[in-house]
Protein backbone atom coordinates (compact mmCIF):
# COMPACT_ATOMS: atom_id res chain seq x y z
CA MET A 1 22.89 64.59 105.43
CA ALA A 2 25.85 66.66 106.43
CA PHE A 3 27.98 68.61 103.97
CA PRO A 4 31.89 68.63 104.20
CA VAL A 5 33.49 71.91 105.17
CA ILE A 6 36.86 73.22 104.18
CA GLY A 7 39.69 70.95 105.30
CA ASP A 8 37.42 67.93 105.95
CA SER A 9 38.03 64.46 104.38
CA PHE A 10 35.60 63.08 101.99
CA LEU A 11 34.65 59.47 101.38
CA VAL A 12 34.80 58.44 97.73
CA GLN A 13 33.11 55.22 96.72
CA ALA A 14 33.43 53.29 93.37
CA THR A 15 31.21 50.43 92.31
CA ILE A 16 33.21 48.03 90.10
CA VAL A 17 31.27 45.54 88.05
CA ASN A 18 32.86 42.61 86.14
CA THR A 19 30.80 42.64 82.97
CA GLY A 20 33.19 40.15 81.22
CA LYS A 21 32.71 36.54 80.75
CA ASN A 22 35.70 35.52 83.09
CA ASP A 23 36.38 35.90 86.71
CA VAL A 24 38.92 38.49 87.75
CA ALA A 25 41.56 37.51 90.36
CA SER A 26 43.08 41.12 90.89
CA PHE A 27 42.88 44.58 89.51
CA SER A 28 44.25 48.04 90.20
CA LEU A 29 41.97 51.05 90.92
CA ARG A 30 43.09 54.66 90.55
CA PHE A 31 41.12 57.58 91.97
CA PHE A 32 41.39 61.02 90.42
CA GLU A 33 39.92 64.43 91.28
CA ASP A 34 39.25 66.09 87.93
CA MET A 35 40.47 69.60 89.06
CA ASN A 36 40.35 71.13 85.64
CA SER A 37 37.16 69.54 84.41
CA ASP A 38 38.50 68.12 81.34
CA SER A 39 37.33 64.51 82.05
CA LEU A 40 40.86 63.14 81.42
CA PHE A 41 42.84 60.89 83.71
CA ASP A 42 45.88 63.04 84.42
CA VAL A 43 48.56 61.65 86.60
CA SER A 44 48.84 64.95 88.57
CA GLU A 45 45.16 64.56 89.62
CA LYS A 46 45.61 61.01 90.96
CA PHE A 47 45.18 60.90 94.70
CA ASN A 48 44.97 57.24 95.55
CA GLU A 49 45.63 53.84 93.94
CA GLN A 50 44.57 50.58 95.29
CA GLN A 51 45.22 46.94 94.31
CA SER A 52 42.32 44.51 94.88
CA THR A 53 43.01 40.76 95.34
CA ILE A 54 39.35 39.88 95.98
CA LEU A 55 38.02 37.44 93.21
CA LEU A 56 35.49 39.38 91.27
CA SER A 57 33.35 36.71 89.52
CA SER A 58 31.60 37.35 86.15
CA GLY A 59 28.55 39.59 86.70
CA ASP A 60 29.57 40.45 90.31
CA SER A 61 30.33 43.84 91.74
CA ILE A 62 32.35 45.26 94.57
CA ILE A 63 32.43 48.72 96.17
CA ILE A 64 35.87 50.22 96.79
CA GLN A 65 36.22 53.22 99.16
CA THR A 66 39.02 55.79 99.71
CA TRP A 67 39.26 59.08 101.45
CA ARG A 68 40.12 62.41 99.83
CA ALA A 69 41.70 64.55 102.46
CA ASN A 70 41.67 68.35 102.93
CA ILE A 71 38.71 69.27 100.70
CA SER A 72 38.70 72.85 99.39
CA LEU A 73 35.71 75.21 98.68
CA GLY A 74 33.68 74.45 95.55
CA ASN A 75 32.33 71.64 93.39
CA HIS A 76 34.42 68.48 93.01
CA SER A 77 34.41 65.89 90.23
CA PHE A 78 35.95 62.55 90.92
CA MET A 79 36.91 59.76 88.42
CA VAL A 80 38.06 56.10 88.80
CA SER A 81 40.13 54.09 86.36
CA THR A 82 41.06 50.48 86.40
């Protein structure tokens, strides 16, 4: 397993699970890097937003991926919001 170096791009994956009773026809997914470690979704920390139009049946899951470019030195925490 290789570790990224300063300036690399980093693949971020989120597994989305439909735990509801109904199918979902579309949803938005927002990716954040929690730069100040407060665990809050701050618009200034959002680095990507994707709209999914794939039907997600009740109980099913999907993996959504995006890239975080130009990684800096240190530990990084990522969060995802629908």
